[in-house]
N, C-alpha and C. Protein backbone atom coordinates (compact mmCIF):
# COMPACT_ATOMS: atom_id res chain seq x y z
N MET A 1 18.01 4.07 -29.82
CA MET A 1 16.89 3.61 -30.60
C MET A 1 16.39 4.77 -31.45
N GLU A 2 16.16 4.51 -32.71
CA GLU A 2 15.65 5.51 -33.63
C GLU A 2 14.12 5.47 -33.63
N ALA A 3 13.51 6.58 -34.02
CA ALA A 3 12.05 6.66 -34.07
C ALA A 3 11.47 5.56 -34.96
N ALA A 4 12.11 5.27 -36.07
CA ALA A 4 11.61 4.23 -36.97
C ALA A 4 11.57 2.86 -36.30
N ASP A 5 12.42 2.63 -35.32
CA ASP A 5 12.45 1.35 -34.61
C ASP A 5 11.21 1.16 -33.73
N LEU A 6 10.50 2.23 -33.44
CA LEU A 6 9.33 2.14 -32.56
C LEU A 6 8.08 1.70 -33.32
N ILE A 7 8.10 1.78 -34.65
CA ILE A 7 6.95 1.40 -35.46
C ILE A 7 6.89 -0.12 -35.55
N GLY A 8 5.73 -0.69 -35.25
CA GLY A 8 5.56 -2.13 -35.33
C GLY A 8 6.27 -2.89 -34.23
N LEU A 9 6.58 -2.23 -33.16
CA LEU A 9 7.28 -2.85 -32.03
C LEU A 9 6.41 -3.93 -31.40
N ASP A 10 6.99 -5.07 -31.08
CA ASP A 10 6.27 -6.17 -30.44
C ASP A 10 6.04 -5.83 -28.98
N LEU A 11 4.79 -5.65 -28.60
CA LEU A 11 4.45 -5.29 -27.22
C LEU A 11 3.85 -6.46 -26.45
N SER A 12 3.99 -7.67 -26.99
CA SER A 12 3.38 -8.83 -26.34
C SER A 12 3.97 -9.09 -24.95
N GLY A 13 5.18 -8.66 -24.69
CA GLY A 13 5.80 -8.85 -23.38
C GLY A 13 5.63 -7.67 -22.45
N ALA A 14 4.82 -6.70 -22.86
CA ALA A 14 4.63 -5.49 -22.05
C ALA A 14 3.88 -5.81 -20.76
N ALA A 15 4.37 -5.28 -19.65
CA ALA A 15 3.69 -5.39 -18.35
C ALA A 15 3.00 -4.05 -18.11
N TRP A 16 1.71 -3.99 -18.40
CA TRP A 16 0.96 -2.74 -18.34
C TRP A 16 0.57 -2.41 -16.90
N LYS A 17 0.71 -1.13 -16.55
CA LYS A 17 0.35 -0.65 -15.21
C LYS A 17 -0.42 0.65 -15.35
N LYS A 18 -1.32 0.88 -14.39
CA LYS A 18 -1.99 2.17 -14.33
C LYS A 18 -1.91 2.69 -12.91
N SER A 19 -2.16 3.95 -12.76
CA SER A 19 -2.03 4.59 -11.46
C SER A 19 -3.00 3.99 -10.46
N SER A 20 -2.53 3.81 -9.24
CA SER A 20 -3.42 3.35 -8.17
C SER A 20 -4.45 4.42 -7.85
N LEU A 21 -4.20 5.65 -8.25
CA LEU A 21 -5.14 6.74 -8.02
C LEU A 21 -6.30 6.72 -9.01
N SER A 22 -6.22 5.89 -10.05
CA SER A 22 -7.29 5.84 -11.05
C SER A 22 -8.54 5.17 -10.49
N GLY A 23 -8.38 4.31 -9.50
CA GLY A 23 -9.52 3.69 -8.83
C GLY A 23 -10.45 2.98 -9.78
N ASP A 24 -11.75 3.11 -9.52
CA ASP A 24 -12.77 2.49 -10.37
C ASP A 24 -13.36 3.53 -11.31
N SER A 25 -12.51 4.14 -12.11
CA SER A 25 -12.96 5.22 -12.99
C SER A 25 -13.62 4.70 -14.26
N GLY A 26 -13.88 3.42 -14.34
CA GLY A 26 -14.51 2.88 -15.53
C GLY A 26 -13.56 2.77 -16.71
N GLY A 27 -12.28 2.75 -16.45
CA GLY A 27 -11.32 2.60 -17.52
C GLY A 27 -10.88 3.89 -18.16
N ASN A 28 -11.18 5.02 -17.54
CA ASN A 28 -10.81 6.31 -18.11
C ASN A 28 -9.41 6.72 -17.68
N CYS A 29 -8.43 5.95 -18.11
CA CYS A 29 -7.06 6.29 -17.75
C CYS A 29 -6.11 5.67 -18.77
N VAL A 30 -4.87 5.96 -18.62
CA VAL A 30 -3.86 5.37 -19.50
C VAL A 30 -3.10 4.30 -18.74
N GLU A 31 -2.54 3.38 -19.48
CA GLU A 31 -1.67 2.35 -18.92
C GLU A 31 -0.29 2.52 -19.53
N VAL A 32 0.72 2.27 -18.72
CA VAL A 32 2.10 2.46 -19.15
C VAL A 32 2.86 1.16 -18.95
N ALA A 33 3.66 0.81 -19.95
CA ALA A 33 4.55 -0.36 -19.84
C ALA A 33 5.98 0.15 -19.94
N GLY A 34 6.70 0.03 -18.84
CA GLY A 34 8.09 0.49 -18.79
C GLY A 34 9.09 -0.63 -18.70
N ASN A 35 8.66 -1.85 -18.94
CA ASN A 35 9.55 -3.00 -18.79
C ASN A 35 10.22 -3.43 -20.10
N LEU A 36 10.01 -2.69 -21.16
CA LEU A 36 10.61 -3.04 -22.45
C LEU A 36 11.95 -2.33 -22.60
N PRO A 37 12.95 -2.98 -23.16
CA PRO A 37 14.28 -2.38 -23.23
C PRO A 37 14.32 -1.11 -24.10
N GLY A 38 14.62 0.01 -23.45
CA GLY A 38 14.78 1.28 -24.16
C GLY A 38 13.52 1.95 -24.61
N VAL A 39 12.36 1.38 -24.27
CA VAL A 39 11.08 1.89 -24.77
C VAL A 39 10.06 1.96 -23.65
N VAL A 40 9.20 2.97 -23.72
CA VAL A 40 8.04 3.06 -22.84
C VAL A 40 6.82 3.12 -23.75
N ALA A 41 5.83 2.27 -23.47
CA ALA A 41 4.61 2.23 -24.27
C ALA A 41 3.45 2.74 -23.42
N VAL A 42 2.52 3.45 -24.07
CA VAL A 42 1.36 4.03 -23.39
C VAL A 42 0.13 3.68 -24.21
N ARG A 43 -0.93 3.24 -23.52
CA ARG A 43 -2.17 2.91 -24.23
C ARG A 43 -3.38 3.36 -23.42
N ASP A 44 -4.52 3.40 -24.08
CA ASP A 44 -5.80 3.76 -23.46
C ASP A 44 -6.36 2.51 -22.78
N SER A 45 -6.65 2.61 -21.50
CA SER A 45 -7.14 1.43 -20.77
C SER A 45 -8.51 0.97 -21.25
N LYS A 46 -9.26 1.84 -21.92
CA LYS A 46 -10.56 1.44 -22.45
C LYS A 46 -10.42 0.55 -23.69
N ASN A 47 -9.24 0.57 -24.31
CA ASN A 47 -9.02 -0.19 -25.53
C ASN A 47 -7.67 -0.90 -25.47
N PRO A 48 -7.55 -1.90 -24.60
CA PRO A 48 -6.24 -2.55 -24.40
C PRO A 48 -5.70 -3.28 -25.63
N THR A 49 -6.55 -3.62 -26.58
CA THR A 49 -6.06 -4.27 -27.80
C THR A 49 -5.81 -3.26 -28.92
N GLY A 50 -6.07 -2.00 -28.64
CA GLY A 50 -5.87 -0.95 -29.64
C GLY A 50 -4.41 -0.53 -29.72
N PRO A 51 -4.17 0.55 -30.45
CA PRO A 51 -2.79 1.00 -30.64
C PRO A 51 -2.18 1.56 -29.36
N ALA A 52 -0.88 1.54 -29.31
CA ALA A 52 -0.14 2.12 -28.19
C ALA A 52 0.83 3.16 -28.75
N LEU A 53 1.05 4.20 -27.99
CA LEU A 53 2.09 5.17 -28.32
C LEU A 53 3.38 4.66 -27.72
N THR A 54 4.47 4.76 -28.45
CA THR A 54 5.76 4.31 -27.94
C THR A 54 6.75 5.46 -27.97
N PHE A 55 7.54 5.52 -26.92
CA PHE A 55 8.52 6.58 -26.74
C PHE A 55 9.85 5.97 -26.33
N THR A 56 10.93 6.63 -26.68
CA THR A 56 12.21 6.19 -26.12
C THR A 56 12.17 6.49 -24.63
N SER A 57 12.97 5.80 -23.86
CA SER A 57 13.01 6.03 -22.41
C SER A 57 13.38 7.47 -22.10
N GLY A 58 14.31 8.04 -22.86
CA GLY A 58 14.73 9.42 -22.64
C GLY A 58 13.62 10.42 -22.92
N ASP A 59 12.88 10.21 -24.01
CA ASP A 59 11.77 11.11 -24.33
C ASP A 59 10.67 11.01 -23.27
N TRP A 60 10.41 9.80 -22.79
CA TRP A 60 9.40 9.63 -21.75
C TRP A 60 9.81 10.35 -20.47
N GLN A 61 11.07 10.25 -20.10
CA GLN A 61 11.55 10.93 -18.89
C GLN A 61 11.45 12.44 -19.05
N THR A 62 11.75 12.95 -20.23
CA THR A 62 11.61 14.39 -20.49
C THR A 62 10.15 14.82 -20.32
N PHE A 63 9.22 14.02 -20.83
CA PHE A 63 7.80 14.31 -20.68
C PHE A 63 7.39 14.30 -19.20
N LEU A 64 7.81 13.27 -18.46
CA LEU A 64 7.47 13.20 -17.03
C LEU A 64 8.02 14.39 -16.26
N ASN A 65 9.24 14.79 -16.55
CA ASN A 65 9.83 15.95 -15.88
C ASN A 65 9.03 17.21 -16.17
N ALA A 66 8.56 17.36 -17.40
CA ALA A 66 7.75 18.53 -17.76
C ALA A 66 6.42 18.52 -17.02
N VAL A 67 5.80 17.35 -16.90
CA VAL A 67 4.54 17.25 -16.16
C VAL A 67 4.76 17.62 -14.69
N LYS A 68 5.80 17.06 -14.09
CA LYS A 68 6.09 17.31 -12.68
C LYS A 68 6.40 18.77 -12.40
N SER A 69 7.00 19.45 -13.37
CA SER A 69 7.35 20.86 -13.17
C SER A 69 6.18 21.80 -13.42
N GLY A 70 5.04 21.26 -13.87
CA GLY A 70 3.87 22.09 -14.11
C GLY A 70 3.83 22.74 -15.49
N ARG A 71 4.67 22.29 -16.37
CA ARG A 71 4.75 22.91 -17.70
C ARG A 71 3.42 22.88 -18.45
N PHE A 72 2.59 21.90 -18.21
CA PHE A 72 1.33 21.76 -18.95
C PHE A 72 0.12 22.26 -18.16
N ASP A 73 0.35 22.86 -17.01
CA ASP A 73 -0.77 23.36 -16.18
C ASP A 73 -1.40 24.59 -16.80
């Protein structure tokens, strides 16, 4: 998937999830939809009808690996 393919992507079938650790934080968290083919979408839970960031599955995995390794600490 090319970056241009991510623009205007139909997210109507996205199954949004947020961390169980977010609890009742008043919506101060992100939601992730990983059920779309080849794409991971991320949005602000305070604005579910607003824009979403979209990443290729590979780019998302690279980001998660960097977070887990402490790269952004």
